Amino acid sequence: MTKQWDDEYLKEAFADEIALAKLHPNWRRTFKAPAALTLDAALVYVQRTTTHAFSGHSSRLSFSTMTPQVPPHWRRSWVAAGPLSTELGLSIRHDQEDGTVSVGVGGGRRNVTESYADHPNADAAAMAAIVRAAIQRLTELRDAH
């Protein structure tokens, strides 16, 4: 039986998008899930605060007035997942017989494989595999430097 787009599944999707936003070179910011989890809800930017010491006992908080744009809905929209796979050079392979989708750089054992049965549909499985492969790829690139 396939999963539904329920709160549990959406929490998982938002968690993957948050992890990817921290690693993606166009974002590299901290976001959190919105209070109401829906397919079209945007991630929420987590404002950073910095403390500057002006004397030995006082400090001042400084806040930026510019709020960055939020990342696309990578786990929830083909409009976002498709370009992400192209940008990172990810290969997508569906196996209809096994009911799985595998995504990775090139072929091989390091691919991320998702079962259709673990997702609301084959598209959702593919988007999950793309995002998880992107996280894996960006982590590898970060660790190589």
N, C-alpha and C. Protein backbone atom coordinates (compact mmCIF):
# COMPACT_ATOMS: atom_id res chain seq x y z
N MET A 1 0.83 -1.18 0.00
CA MET A 1 0.00 0.00 0.00
C MET A 1 0.88 1.25 0.00
N THR A 2 0.48 2.23 -0.75
CA THR A 2 1.25 3.47 -0.82
C THR A 2 0.89 4.41 0.33
N LYS A 3 1.80 5.30 0.62
CA LYS A 3 1.57 6.31 1.65
C LYS A 3 0.71 7.42 1.08
N GLN A 4 0.19 8.24 1.96
CA GLN A 4 -0.58 9.41 1.57
C GLN A 4 0.24 10.67 1.90
N TRP A 5 -0.16 11.78 1.33
CA TRP A 5 0.46 13.06 1.64
C TRP A 5 -0.09 13.54 2.99
N ASP A 6 0.19 12.78 4.05
CA ASP A 6 -0.27 13.15 5.38
C ASP A 6 0.81 13.93 6.12
N ASP A 7 0.54 14.32 7.36
CA ASP A 7 1.51 15.10 8.13
C ASP A 7 2.84 14.38 8.29
N GLU A 8 2.80 13.09 8.52
CA GLU A 8 4.04 12.32 8.69
C GLU A 8 4.89 12.37 7.42
N TYR A 9 4.25 12.16 6.28
CA TYR A 9 4.98 12.18 5.01
C TYR A 9 5.49 13.59 4.71
N LEU A 10 4.66 14.59 4.96
CA LEU A 10 5.08 15.97 4.72
C LEU A 10 6.24 16.38 5.64
N LYS A 11 6.24 15.92 6.89
CA LYS A 11 7.36 16.21 7.80
C LYS A 11 8.66 15.67 7.21
N GLU A 12 8.59 14.47 6.67
CA GLU A 12 9.76 13.85 6.05
C GLU A 12 10.21 14.67 4.83
N ALA A 13 9.26 15.10 4.03
CA ALA A 13 9.58 15.90 2.84
C ALA A 13 10.22 17.23 3.23
N PHE A 14 9.64 17.91 4.21
CA PHE A 14 10.20 19.18 4.66
C PHE A 14 11.59 18.99 5.26
N ALA A 15 11.80 17.91 6.00
CA ALA A 15 13.12 17.64 6.58
C ALA A 15 14.17 17.48 5.49
N ASP A 16 13.83 16.78 4.42
CA ASP A 16 14.77 16.63 3.30
C ASP A 16 15.05 17.97 2.64
N GLU A 17 14.03 18.78 2.45
CA GLU A 17 14.22 20.09 1.83
C GLU A 17 15.07 21.01 2.71
N ILE A 18 14.89 20.94 4.01
CA ILE A 18 15.68 21.74 4.94
C ILE A 18 17.14 21.31 4.88
N ALA A 19 17.39 20.00 4.86
CA ALA A 19 18.77 19.49 4.77
C ALA A 19 19.42 19.93 3.46
N LEU A 20 18.67 19.87 2.37
CA LEU A 20 19.22 20.26 1.08
C LEU A 20 19.50 21.76 1.04
N ALA A 21 18.64 22.58 1.63
CA ALA A 21 18.86 24.03 1.64
C ALA A 21 20.14 24.40 2.36
N LYS A 22 20.50 23.65 3.39
CA LYS A 22 21.75 23.92 4.12
C LYS A 22 22.98 23.64 3.27
N LEU A 23 22.88 22.67 2.35
CA LEU A 23 24.01 22.26 1.54
C LEU A 23 24.08 22.93 0.18
N HIS A 24 22.94 23.31 -0.37
CA HIS A 24 22.89 23.81 -1.74
C HIS A 24 23.62 25.15 -1.84
N PRO A 25 24.53 25.29 -2.82
CA PRO A 25 25.32 26.52 -2.92
C PRO A 25 24.49 27.79 -3.16
N ASN A 26 23.30 27.67 -3.69
CA ASN A 26 22.46 28.85 -3.91
C ASN A 26 21.71 29.28 -2.65
N TRP A 27 21.71 28.46 -1.63
CA TRP A 27 20.94 28.77 -0.41
C TRP A 27 21.84 28.83 0.80
N ARG A 28 22.39 27.71 1.22
CA ARG A 28 23.28 27.62 2.39
C ARG A 28 22.80 28.45 3.56
N ARG A 29 21.53 28.29 3.84
CA ARG A 29 20.91 28.98 4.98
C ARG A 29 20.09 27.97 5.77
N THR A 30 19.69 28.38 6.94
CA THR A 30 18.88 27.52 7.78
C THR A 30 17.41 27.89 7.64
N PHE A 31 16.62 26.89 7.36
CA PHE A 31 15.18 27.06 7.25
C PHE A 31 14.51 26.07 8.19
N LYS A 32 13.24 26.30 8.46
CA LYS A 32 12.46 25.35 9.25
C LYS A 32 11.13 25.13 8.55
N ALA A 33 10.44 24.10 8.96
CA ALA A 33 9.13 23.80 8.38
C ALA A 33 8.11 24.81 8.90
N PRO A 34 7.11 25.12 8.08
CA PRO A 34 6.06 26.03 8.54
C PRO A 34 5.18 25.34 9.58
N ALA A 35 4.38 26.12 10.27
CA ALA A 35 3.48 25.56 11.29
C ALA A 35 2.45 24.63 10.66
N ALA A 36 1.90 25.04 9.53
CA ALA A 36 0.90 24.22 8.83
C ALA A 36 1.57 23.53 7.65
N LEU A 37 1.65 22.22 7.70
CA LEU A 37 2.32 21.46 6.63
C LEU A 37 1.33 21.17 5.50
N THR A 38 1.59 21.78 4.35
CA THR A 38 0.78 21.54 3.15
C THR A 38 1.71 21.38 1.97
N LEU A 39 1.19 20.86 0.87
CA LEU A 39 2.00 20.67 -0.33
C LEU A 39 2.59 21.96 -0.86
N ASP A 40 1.88 23.06 -0.70
CA ASP A 40 2.35 24.31 -1.28
C ASP A 40 2.95 25.28 -0.26
N ALA A 41 3.11 24.87 0.98
CA ALA A 41 3.70 25.73 2.00
C ALA A 41 5.18 25.91 1.76
N ALA A 42 5.67 27.10 2.03
CA ALA A 42 7.09 27.41 1.86
C ALA A 42 7.86 27.16 3.15
N LEU A 43 9.15 26.87 3.00
CA LEU A 43 10.01 26.79 4.17
C LEU A 43 10.10 28.17 4.81
N VAL A 44 10.42 28.21 6.08
CA VAL A 44 10.50 29.46 6.82
C VAL A 44 11.97 29.72 7.14
N TYR A 45 12.45 30.90 6.77
CA TYR A 45 13.84 31.28 7.03
C TYR A 45 14.05 31.48 8.52
N VAL A 46 15.14 30.93 9.04
CA VAL A 46 15.50 31.10 10.44
C VAL A 46 16.49 32.25 10.52
N GLN A 47 16.03 33.35 11.10
CA GLN A 47 16.84 34.56 11.21
C GLN A 47 18.02 34.31 12.13
N ARG A 48 19.18 34.68 11.68
CA ARG A 48 20.37 34.57 12.53
C ARG A 48 20.53 35.84 13.33
N THR A 49 21.00 35.69 14.54
CA THR A 49 21.33 36.85 15.36
C THR A 49 22.81 36.79 15.65
N THR A 50 23.42 37.95 15.70
CA THR A 50 24.84 38.01 16.04
C THR A 50 25.01 38.94 17.22
N THR A 51 25.98 38.67 18.03
CA THR A 51 26.26 39.49 19.19
C THR A 51 27.60 40.18 18.97
N HIS A 52 27.58 41.48 19.09
CA HIS A 52 28.81 42.27 18.96
C HIS A 52 29.08 42.91 20.32
N ALA A 53 30.25 42.69 20.85
CA ALA A 53 30.59 43.27 22.15
C ALA A 53 31.16 44.67 21.94
N PHE A 54 30.57 45.66 22.58
CA PHE A 54 31.07 47.03 22.50
C PHE A 54 31.84 47.41 23.76
N SER A 55 31.64 46.66 24.80
CA SER A 55 32.41 46.87 26.02
C SER A 55 32.47 45.53 26.73
N GLY A 56 33.10 45.51 27.84
CA GLY A 56 33.27 44.27 28.56
C GLY A 56 31.98 43.68 29.09
N HIS A 57 30.94 44.47 29.24
CA HIS A 57 29.72 43.96 29.86
C HIS A 57 28.45 44.16 29.02
N SER A 58 28.55 44.86 27.90
CA SER A 58 27.32 45.06 27.11
C SER A 58 27.46 44.42 25.73
N SER A 59 26.35 44.07 25.18
CA SER A 59 26.34 43.51 23.84
C SER A 59 25.14 44.05 23.10
N ARG A 60 25.16 43.90 21.80
CA ARG A 60 24.08 44.41 20.98
C ARG A 60 23.72 43.37 19.94
N LEU A 61 22.45 43.14 19.78
CA LEU A 61 21.99 42.23 18.74
C LEU A 61 21.81 43.00 17.46
N SER A 62 22.27 42.42 16.35
CA SER A 62 22.03 43.07 15.06
C SER A 62 21.23 42.13 14.18
N PHE A 63 20.27 42.68 13.49
CA PHE A 63 19.39 41.90 12.64
C PHE A 63 19.43 42.46 11.24
N SER A 64 19.42 41.59 10.28
CA SER A 64 19.32 42.01 8.90
C SER A 64 17.85 42.22 8.58
N THR A 65 17.55 43.28 7.84
CA THR A 65 16.17 43.54 7.46
C THR A 65 15.80 42.83 6.17
N MET A 66 16.76 42.24 5.50
CA MET A 66 16.48 41.54 4.25
C MET A 66 16.21 40.07 4.53
N THR A 67 15.06 39.59 4.11
CA THR A 67 14.72 38.18 4.26
C THR A 67 15.01 37.49 2.93
N PRO A 68 15.83 36.45 2.95
CA PRO A 68 16.14 35.78 1.69
C PRO A 68 14.94 35.03 1.14
N GLN A 69 14.99 34.81 -0.16
CA GLN A 69 13.94 34.01 -0.76
C GLN A 69 14.02 32.59 -0.20
N VAL A 70 12.92 31.90 -0.29
CA VAL A 70 12.90 30.52 0.20
C VAL A 70 13.20 29.57 -0.95
N PRO A 71 13.76 28.41 -0.64
CA PRO A 71 14.09 27.44 -1.69
C PRO A 71 12.82 26.86 -2.33
N PRO A 72 12.99 26.27 -3.49
CA PRO A 72 11.85 25.63 -4.16
C PRO A 72 11.36 24.41 -3.37
N HIS A 73 10.22 23.90 -3.76
CA HIS A 73 9.62 22.70 -3.12
C HIS A 73 10.21 21.45 -3.78
N TRP A 74 11.47 21.18 -3.54
CA TRP A 74 12.17 20.10 -4.21
C TRP A 74 11.49 18.75 -4.05
N ARG A 75 10.98 18.44 -2.88
CA ARG A 75 10.36 17.14 -2.62
C ARG A 75 8.89 17.10 -2.98
N ARG A 76 8.33 18.26 -3.34
CA ARG A 76 6.89 18.33 -3.53
C ARG A 76 6.47 18.81 -4.90
N SER A 77 7.43 19.11 -5.79
CA SER A 77 7.08 19.66 -7.10
C SER A 77 8.10 19.26 -8.15
N TRP A 78 7.60 18.77 -9.28
CA TRP A 78 8.49 18.45 -10.40
C TRP A 78 9.15 19.70 -10.95
N VAL A 79 8.47 20.83 -10.83
CA VAL A 79 9.02 22.10 -11.33
C VAL A 79 10.34 22.41 -10.61
N ALA A 80 10.51 21.94 -9.39
CA ALA A 80 11.73 22.15 -8.63
C ALA A 80 12.67 20.95 -8.71
N ALA A 81 12.14 19.74 -8.64
CA ALA A 81 12.97 18.53 -8.63
C ALA A 81 13.66 18.30 -9.98
N GLY A 82 12.96 18.57 -11.06
CA GLY A 82 13.54 18.36 -12.39
C GLY A 82 14.81 19.17 -12.61
N PRO A 83 14.75 20.49 -12.45
CA PRO A 83 15.96 21.30 -12.62
C PRO A 83 17.08 20.94 -11.64
N LEU A 84 16.72 20.51 -10.43
CA LEU A 84 17.73 20.10 -9.46
C LEU A 84 18.51 18.90 -9.98
N SER A 85 17.81 17.94 -10.58
CA SER A 85 18.50 16.76 -11.11
C SER A 85 19.42 17.14 -12.27
N THR A 86 18.99 18.07 -13.10
CA THR A 86 19.82 18.53 -14.22
C THR A 86 21.02 19.31 -13.72
N GLU A 87 20.79 20.20 -12.77
CA GLU A 87 21.86 21.04 -12.21
C GLU A 87 23.00 20.20 -11.63
N LEU A 88 22.67 19.11 -10.97
CA LEU A 88 23.68 18.28 -10.31
C LEU A 88 24.11 17.07 -11.14
N GLY A 89 23.56 16.94 -12.35
CA GLY A 89 23.94 15.82 -13.22
C GLY A 89 23.49 14.48 -12.69
N LEU A 90 22.29 14.42 -12.13
CA LEU A 90 21.79 13.18 -11.56
C LEU A 90 21.07 12.34 -12.62
N SER A 91 21.32 11.05 -12.61
CA SER A 91 20.64 10.12 -13.51
C SER A 91 19.46 9.51 -12.77
N ILE A 92 18.35 9.39 -13.49
CA ILE A 92 17.14 8.82 -12.89
C ILE A 92 16.77 7.57 -13.68
N ARG A 93 16.57 6.47 -12.95
CA ARG A 93 16.19 5.21 -13.61
C ARG A 93 15.03 4.59 -12.87
N HIS A 94 13.95 4.41 -13.60
CA HIS A 94 12.76 3.75 -13.04
C HIS A 94 12.81 2.27 -13.38
N ASP A 95 12.47 1.44 -12.43
CA ASP A 95 12.34 0.00 -12.65
C ASP A 95 10.89 -0.37 -12.35
N GLN A 96 10.10 -0.42 -13.41
CA GLN A 96 8.67 -0.69 -13.25
C GLN A 96 8.40 -2.07 -12.66
N GLU A 97 9.23 -3.05 -13.01
CA GLU A 97 9.04 -4.40 -12.49
C GLU A 97 9.21 -4.46 -10.98
N ASP A 98 10.26 -3.79 -10.48
CA ASP A 98 10.52 -3.78 -9.04
C ASP A 98 9.72 -2.70 -8.31
N GLY A 99 9.18 -1.75 -9.06
CA GLY A 99 8.46 -0.65 -8.44
C GLY A 99 9.37 0.28 -7.69
N THR A 100 10.54 0.61 -8.30
CA THR A 100 11.52 1.48 -7.65
C THR A 100 12.03 2.53 -8.63
N VAL A 101 12.64 3.54 -8.06
CA VAL A 101 13.34 4.55 -8.83
C VAL A 101 14.70 4.75 -8.17
N SER A 102 15.76 4.82 -8.99
CA SER A 102 17.12 5.02 -8.49
C SER A 102 17.68 6.30 -9.09
N VAL A 103 18.34 7.09 -8.26
CA VAL A 103 18.91 8.36 -8.70
C VAL A 103 20.32 8.46 -8.17
N GLY A 104 21.23 8.92 -9.01
CA GLY A 104 22.61 9.12 -8.58
C GLY A 104 23.44 9.73 -9.68
N VAL A 105 24.69 9.96 -9.38
CA VAL A 105 25.64 10.45 -10.36
C VAL A 105 26.24 9.23 -11.03
N GLY A 106 25.96 9.05 -12.31
CA GLY A 106 26.40 7.85 -13.00
C GLY A 106 25.58 6.67 -12.52
N GLY A 107 26.12 5.50 -12.66
CA GLY A 107 25.42 4.31 -12.20
C GLY A 107 26.16 3.71 -11.03
N GLY A 108 25.56 2.76 -10.40
CA GLY A 108 26.30 2.06 -9.36
C GLY A 108 25.58 1.95 -8.04
N ARG A 109 26.32 1.41 -7.08
CA ARG A 109 25.77 1.11 -5.76
C ARG A 109 25.48 2.34 -4.93
N ARG A 110 26.04 3.48 -5.28
CA ARG A 110 25.86 4.68 -4.47
C ARG A 110 24.57 5.40 -4.80
N ASN A 111 23.80 4.89 -5.73
CA ASN A 111 22.53 5.52 -6.07
C ASN A 111 21.56 5.45 -4.90
N VAL A 112 20.68 6.41 -4.85
CA VAL A 112 19.58 6.41 -3.88
C VAL A 112 18.41 5.72 -4.55
N THR A 113 17.86 4.71 -3.90
CA THR A 113 16.73 3.98 -4.46
C THR A 113 15.53 4.10 -3.54
N GLU A 114 14.40 4.47 -4.12
CA GLU A 114 13.15 4.61 -3.38
C GLU A 114 12.12 3.67 -3.99
N SER A 115 11.34 3.03 -3.15
CA SER A 115 10.26 2.16 -3.59
C SER A 115 8.99 2.98 -3.77
N TYR A 116 8.29 2.74 -4.86
CA TYR A 116 7.03 3.44 -5.09
C TYR A 116 6.06 3.22 -3.92
N ALA A 117 6.08 2.05 -3.34
CA ALA A 117 5.15 1.71 -2.26
C ALA A 117 5.34 2.56 -1.01
N ASP A 118 6.52 3.16 -0.86
CA ASP A 118 6.80 3.99 0.31
C ASP A 118 6.38 5.44 0.12
N HIS A 119 5.75 5.74 -1.01
CA HIS A 119 5.40 7.12 -1.36
C HIS A 119 3.98 7.17 -1.91
N PRO A 120 3.38 8.36 -1.95
CA PRO A 120 2.01 8.46 -2.48
C PRO A 120 1.88 8.01 -3.92
N ASN A 121 2.93 8.17 -4.73
CA ASN A 121 2.91 7.75 -6.12
C ASN A 121 4.34 7.68 -6.66
N ALA A 122 4.49 7.27 -7.89
CA ALA A 122 5.82 7.14 -8.48
C ALA A 122 6.53 8.48 -8.59
N ASP A 123 5.77 9.54 -8.89
CA ASP A 123 6.37 10.87 -8.96
C ASP A 123 6.95 11.30 -7.62
N ALA A 124 6.22 11.07 -6.54
CA ALA A 124 6.70 11.43 -5.21
C ALA A 124 7.95 10.62 -4.85
N ALA A 125 7.98 9.35 -5.26
CA ALA A 125 9.17 8.52 -5.02
C ALA A 125 10.36 9.08 -5.78
N ALA A 126 10.14 9.50 -7.02
CA ALA A 126 11.23 10.06 -7.83
C ALA A 126 11.74 11.37 -7.23
N MET A 127 10.83 12.22 -6.80
CA MET A 127 11.25 13.49 -6.19
C MET A 127 12.04 13.25 -4.90
N ALA A 128 11.61 12.27 -4.11
CA ALA A 128 12.34 11.94 -2.88
C ALA A 128 13.74 11.42 -3.22
N ALA A 129 13.83 10.56 -4.22
CA ALA A 129 15.13 10.02 -4.62
C ALA A 129 16.04 11.12 -5.15
N ILE A 130 15.48 12.04 -5.92
CA ILE A 130 16.29 13.16 -6.45
C ILE A 130 16.83 14.00 -5.32
N VAL A 131 15.99 14.37 -4.37
CA VAL A 131 16.43 15.22 -3.26
C VAL A 131 17.47 14.50 -2.40
N ARG A 132 17.23 13.24 -2.11
CA ARG A 132 18.20 12.50 -1.28
C ARG A 132 19.51 12.27 -2.01
N ALA A 133 19.46 12.06 -3.32
CA ALA A 133 20.70 11.94 -4.10
C ALA A 133 21.42 13.27 -4.17
N ALA A 134 20.66 14.37 -4.26
CA ALA A 134 21.27 15.70 -4.26
C ALA A 134 21.97 15.98 -2.94
N ILE A 135 21.33 15.61 -1.84
CA ILE A 135 21.96 15.78 -0.51
C ILE A 135 23.25 14.97 -0.46
N GLN A 136 23.19 13.73 -0.92
CA GLN A 136 24.38 12.87 -0.94
C GLN A 136 25.48 13.48 -1.80
N ARG A 137 25.12 13.96 -3.00
CA ARG A 137 26.10 14.54 -3.93
C ARG A 137 26.73 15.81 -3.35
N LEU A 138 25.92 16.71 -2.81
CA LEU A 138 26.46 17.94 -2.26
C LEU A 138 27.30 17.70 -1.01
N THR A 139 26.95 16.69 -0.23
CA THR A 139 27.75 16.32 0.93
C THR A 139 29.12 15.82 0.48
N GLU A 140 29.12 14.98 -0.56
CA GLU A 140 30.39 14.47 -1.09
C GLU A 140 31.25 15.60 -1.63
N LEU A 141 30.64 16.54 -2.36
CA LEU A 141 31.40 17.67 -2.89
C LEU A 141 31.96 18.55 -1.77
N ARG A 142 31.16 18.78 -0.74
CA ARG A 142 31.61 19.59 0.40
C ARG A 142 32.77 18.91 1.12
N ASP A 143 32.65 17.60 1.34
CA ASP A 143 33.68 16.86 2.06
C ASP A 143 34.97 16.69 1.26
N ALA A 144 34.89 16.82 -0.07
CA ALA A 144 36.07 16.68 -0.92
C ALA A 144 36.96 17.91 -0.87
N HIS A 145 36.40 19.01 -0.38
CA HIS A 145 37.19 20.26 -0.35
C HIS A 145 37.79 20.52 0.98
